[in-house]
Amino acid sequence: MNIINRLNDIRDKLIRCEVKNHRLKGSVALLAVSKTQPIEKIMQAYDAGQYQFGENYLQEAEEKIAQLKDKKIEWHFIGNIQSNKTRKIAELFDWVQSVDSVKHAKRLNEQRPAELGPLHICLEVNLDHEANKSGVDQEELLLLAKACQGLPMLNLRGLMAIPHKTSNTQEQHASFKHLRQLFDDLNQQGFALDTLSMGMSNDFEIAIAEGSTMIRVGTAIFGERR
């Protein structure tokens, strides 16, 4: 199956999930995760109407963004943030979905070029307190959200998480429900979040059932990574 067919298959499943879960048509966005994928594959997806792409590695993304600068692509940084790379991330990307500390938020705010307008961000939550995984602990989430709210060059849009790997559907539902609850709690406290980035190739249908507004799909579109 080629990229266009895979992309159409994902879109069909997404639409069916919206209907099944009584979601508004078009309420769930598809982010194509293009890390390690060549530009040729990105262009195949782009030509098929996919305009939102997610990258994990700055150096790789920098080359792609430069080569595709004439395309109307919305670039999302979804990888681990390193302090020495925040300037380039702030300059190159439209979204950063992996903000997990006040330090990084402040650096992105200070280094975002004024002419580009505020950088859209999501706060990455470490739902399961996994030591080897990035993300803010849920106990610190409110403090981080409040800090970001006061930074003029950041536009706090929502939350993102990568739950622990499991094939147990009950556990998958529980993890996504947990993130949705954190999202709702922040909105009840006066935040105006509209983006819940959760669900990947193997579990996005469950994520949509639990309220995802953006799924991050790589392998199911592009095939196995290089």
Protein backbone atom coordinates (compact mmCIF):
# COMPACT_ATOMS: atom_id res chain seq x y z
CA MET A 1 0.00 0.00 0.00
CA ASN A 2 1.43 3.40 -0.95
CA ILE A 3 1.42 6.57 1.15
CA ILE A 4 -1.67 8.04 -0.51
CA ASN A 5 -3.66 4.87 0.15
CA ARG A 6 -2.42 4.67 3.74
CA LEU A 7 -3.26 8.32 4.30
CA ASN A 8 -6.77 7.86 2.92
CA ASP A 9 -7.21 4.78 5.09
CA ILE A 10 -6.28 6.76 8.22
CA ARG A 11 -8.60 9.60 7.22
CA ASP A 12 -11.48 7.16 6.70
CA LYS A 13 -10.88 5.59 10.12
CA LEU A 14 -10.65 9.04 11.71
CA ILE A 15 -13.99 10.10 10.20
CA ARG A 16 -15.65 6.86 11.32
CA CYS A 17 -14.31 7.44 14.84
CA GLU A 18 -15.72 10.97 14.87
CA VAL A 19 -19.14 9.66 13.88
CA LYS A 20 -19.04 6.71 16.27
CA ASN A 21 -18.11 8.94 19.22
CA HIS A 22 -20.55 11.74 18.34
CA ARG A 23 -17.75 14.16 17.56
CA LEU A 24 -18.14 17.05 15.13
CA LYS A 25 -16.83 16.36 11.64
CA GLY A 26 -13.30 17.70 11.37
CA SER A 27 -12.88 18.02 15.13
CA VAL A 28 -9.85 15.69 15.16
CA ALA A 29 -6.70 16.83 13.33
CA LEU A 30 -4.19 14.44 11.78
CA LEU A 31 -0.52 15.17 12.40
CA ALA A 32 1.77 13.15 10.12
CA VAL A 33 4.89 12.23 12.08
CA SER A 34 7.64 12.43 9.51
CA LYS A 35 10.76 11.88 11.63
CA THR A 36 13.45 9.88 9.79
CA GLN A 37 11.31 9.94 6.65
CA PRO A 38 12.78 11.39 3.43
CA ILE A 39 11.43 14.53 1.81
CA GLU A 40 10.07 12.47 -1.09
CA LYS A 41 7.62 10.74 1.26
CA ILE A 42 6.65 14.01 2.91
CA MET A 43 5.91 15.47 -0.52
CA GLN A 44 3.73 12.47 -1.42
CA ALA A 45 1.65 13.12 1.69
CA TYR A 46 1.63 16.87 1.04
CA ASP A 47 0.41 16.37 -2.52
CA ALA A 48 -2.39 14.24 -1.08
CA GLY A 49 -3.54 17.18 1.07
CA GLN A 50 -1.60 16.60 4.31
CA TYR A 51 -0.24 19.91 5.62
CA GLN A 52 0.60 19.25 9.29
CA PHE A 53 3.85 17.41 9.99
CA GLY A 54 5.61 16.50 13.23
CA GLU A 55 9.36 16.19 13.70
CA ASN A 56 11.37 14.93 16.68
CA TYR A 57 14.94 15.85 15.82
CA LEU A 58 15.96 19.46 15.24
CA GLN A 59 18.91 18.91 12.91
CA GLU A 60 16.91 16.62 10.63
CA ALA A 61 13.89 18.93 10.70
CA GLU A 62 15.98 22.00 9.94
CA GLU A 63 17.04 20.54 6.59
CA LYS A 64 13.50 19.52 5.67
CA ILE A 65 11.99 22.88 6.63
CA ALA A 66 14.61 24.72 4.58
CA GLN A 67 13.98 22.57 1.50
CA LEU A 68 10.20 22.83 1.82
CA LYS A 69 9.99 26.50 2.81
CA ASP A 70 7.78 27.34 -0.19
CA LYS A 71 5.15 24.80 0.89
CA LYS A 72 2.25 25.69 3.17
CA ILE A 73 3.29 23.26 5.88
CA GLU A 74 2.53 23.64 9.58
CA TRP A 75 5.53 22.21 11.42
CA HIS A 76 5.17 20.72 14.91
CA PHE A 77 8.15 19.94 17.13
CA ILE A 78 7.23 16.85 19.16
CA GLY A 79 10.62 15.68 20.43
CA ASN A 80 12.58 16.14 23.61
CA ILE A 81 13.64 19.78 24.05
CA GLN A 82 17.30 20.54 24.75
CA SER A 83 18.17 23.97 26.15
CA ASN A 84 20.89 24.62 23.57
CA LYS A 85 18.37 24.08 20.75
CA THR A 86 15.45 26.21 21.91
CA ARG A 87 16.40 29.19 19.72
CA LYS A 88 16.21 27.20 16.50
CA ILE A 89 13.03 25.46 17.62
CA ALA A 90 11.43 28.83 18.39
CA GLU A 91 12.48 30.18 15.00
CA LEU A 92 11.53 27.24 12.79
CA PHE A 93 8.37 25.67 14.16
CA ASP A 94 4.73 26.73 14.30
CA TRP A 95 3.97 24.45 17.24
CA VAL A 96 5.96 22.86 20.05
CA GLN A 97 4.06 20.01 21.66
CA SER A 98 6.71 18.89 24.15
CA VAL A 99 7.12 21.78 26.60
CA ASP A 100 7.70 20.27 30.04
CA SER A 101 9.52 22.89 32.10
CA VAL A 102 9.32 26.58 32.98
CA LYS A 103 12.95 26.93 31.91
CA HIS A 104 12.26 25.76 28.38
CA ALA A 105 9.04 27.76 28.17
CA LYS A 106 10.87 30.96 29.09
CA ARG A 107 13.64 30.30 26.57
CA LEU A 108 11.14 29.64 23.76
CA ASN A 109 9.26 32.81 24.71
CA GLU A 110 12.41 34.95 24.71
CA GLN A 111 13.76 33.47 21.49
CA ARG A 112 10.58 33.48 19.39
CA PRO A 113 10.96 36.10 16.62
CA ALA A 114 8.34 38.81 17.13
CA GLU A 115 7.42 38.90 13.45
CA LEU A 116 6.28 35.26 13.60
CA GLY A 117 3.74 35.87 16.34
CA PRO A 118 3.23 33.67 19.40
CA LEU A 119 4.41 30.06 19.24
CA HIS A 120 1.62 27.54 19.77
CA ILE A 121 2.53 25.08 22.52
CA CYS A 122 1.25 21.99 24.28
CA LEU A 123 2.50 20.83 27.66
CA GLU A 124 3.80 17.27 27.60
CA VAL A 125 2.60 15.28 30.62
CA ASN A 126 4.42 12.24 31.99
CA LEU A 127 1.28 10.33 32.95
CA ASP A 128 2.99 7.30 34.45
CA HIS A 129 6.00 8.85 36.19
CA GLU A 130 8.33 7.00 33.84
CA ALA A 131 11.92 7.94 34.68
CA ASN A 132 13.18 7.51 31.11
CA LYS A 133 10.43 9.62 29.56
CA SER A 134 10.17 13.40 29.25
CA GLY A 135 7.12 15.32 30.38
CA VAL A 136 5.99 17.27 33.40
CA ASP A 137 4.61 15.34 36.36
CA GLN A 138 0.90 15.95 36.77
CA GLU A 139 1.51 17.44 40.23
CA GLU A 140 3.54 20.24 38.60
CA LEU A 141 1.24 20.74 35.61
CA LEU A 142 -0.81 23.63 37.01
CA LEU A 143 2.29 25.62 37.97
CA LEU A 144 3.76 25.13 34.50
CA ALA A 145 0.50 26.10 32.81
CA LYS A 146 0.26 29.29 34.89
CA ALA A 147 3.87 30.19 34.06
CA CYS A 148 3.23 29.72 30.31
CA GLN A 149 0.06 31.77 30.46
CA GLY A 150 2.13 34.79 31.44
CA LEU A 151 4.56 34.54 28.53
CA PRO A 152 3.42 36.79 25.64
CA MET A 153 5.19 34.94 22.81
CA LEU A 154 3.66 31.58 23.75
CA ASN A 155 0.09 30.55 23.02
CA LEU A 156 -0.81 27.69 25.37
CA ARG A 157 -3.13 25.45 23.37
CA GLY A 158 -3.32 22.17 25.23
CA LEU A 159 -1.74 18.96 26.49
CA MET A 160 0.19 16.11 24.93
CA ALA A 161 1.23 12.71 26.26
CA ILE A 162 2.74 9.42 25.22
CA PRO A 163 1.27 6.84 27.62
CA HIS A 164 3.25 3.73 28.52
CA LYS A 165 3.16 1.03 25.87
CA THR A 166 0.51 -1.60 26.35
CA SER A 167 -1.77 -3.74 24.21
CA ASN A 168 -4.37 -3.79 26.98
CA THR A 169 -7.24 -1.67 25.67
CA GLN A 170 -8.59 -0.99 29.16
CA GLU A 171 -5.24 0.48 30.18
CA GLN A 172 -5.13 2.53 26.97
CA HIS A 173 -8.59 3.94 27.67
CA ALA A 174 -7.57 4.72 31.26
CA SER A 175 -4.43 6.62 30.22
CA PHE A 176 -6.23 8.76 27.66
CA LYS A 177 -9.13 9.37 30.04
CA HIS A 178 -6.60 10.54 32.63
CA LEU A 179 -5.07 13.10 30.26
CA ARG A 180 -8.55 14.28 29.26
CA GLN A 181 -9.36 14.82 32.93
CA LEU A 182 -6.22 16.92 33.43
CA PHE A 183 -7.19 18.92 30.33
CA ASP A 184 -10.72 19.49 31.65
CA ASP A 185 -9.43 20.42 35.11
CA LEU A 186 -7.23 23.17 33.64
CA ASN A 187 -10.11 24.56 31.60
CA GLN A 188 -12.32 24.59 34.69
CA GLN A 189 -9.64 26.73 36.33
CA GLY A 190 -9.87 29.36 33.61
CA PHE A 191 -7.51 28.17 30.89
CA ALA A 192 -8.79 28.14 27.32
CA LEU A 193 -7.23 24.94 26.04
CA ASP A 194 -8.51 23.50 22.77
CA THR A 195 -5.93 20.86 21.85
CA LEU A 196 -5.61 17.38 23.30
CA SER A 197 -2.78 15.69 21.39
CA MET A 198 -2.98 11.98 22.08
CA GLY A 199 -3.11 8.78 20.09
CA MET A 200 -0.64 7.28 17.62
CA SER A 201 -0.69 4.64 14.88
CA ASN A 202 -1.70 1.74 17.13
CA ASP A 203 -4.14 3.42 19.51
CA PHE A 204 -5.58 6.56 17.91
CA GLU A 205 -9.11 5.13 17.69
CA ILE A 206 -9.17 4.67 21.47
CA ALA A 207 -7.68 8.15 21.93
CA ILE A 208 -10.43 9.70 19.81
CA ALA A 209 -13.03 7.87 21.87
CA GLU A 210 -11.55 9.52 24.97
CA GLY A 211 -11.52 13.04 23.52
CA SER A 212 -8.38 13.50 21.43
CA THR A 213 -8.43 16.50 19.11
CA MET A 214 -5.13 15.64 17.39
CA ILE A 215 -3.64 12.26 16.59
CA ARG A 216 0.05 11.81 15.77
CA VAL A 217 0.48 9.13 13.14
CA GLY A 218 3.77 8.09 11.55
CA THR A 219 4.23 4.40 10.77
CA ALA A 220 0.65 3.89 9.61
CA ILE A 221 1.19 6.59 6.96
CA PHE A 222 4.83 6.28 5.95
CA GLY A 223 5.63 2.67 6.78
CA GLU A 224 8.46 1.55 9.04
CA ARG A 225 11.08 4.17 9.86
CA ARG A 226 14.55 4.06 8.42
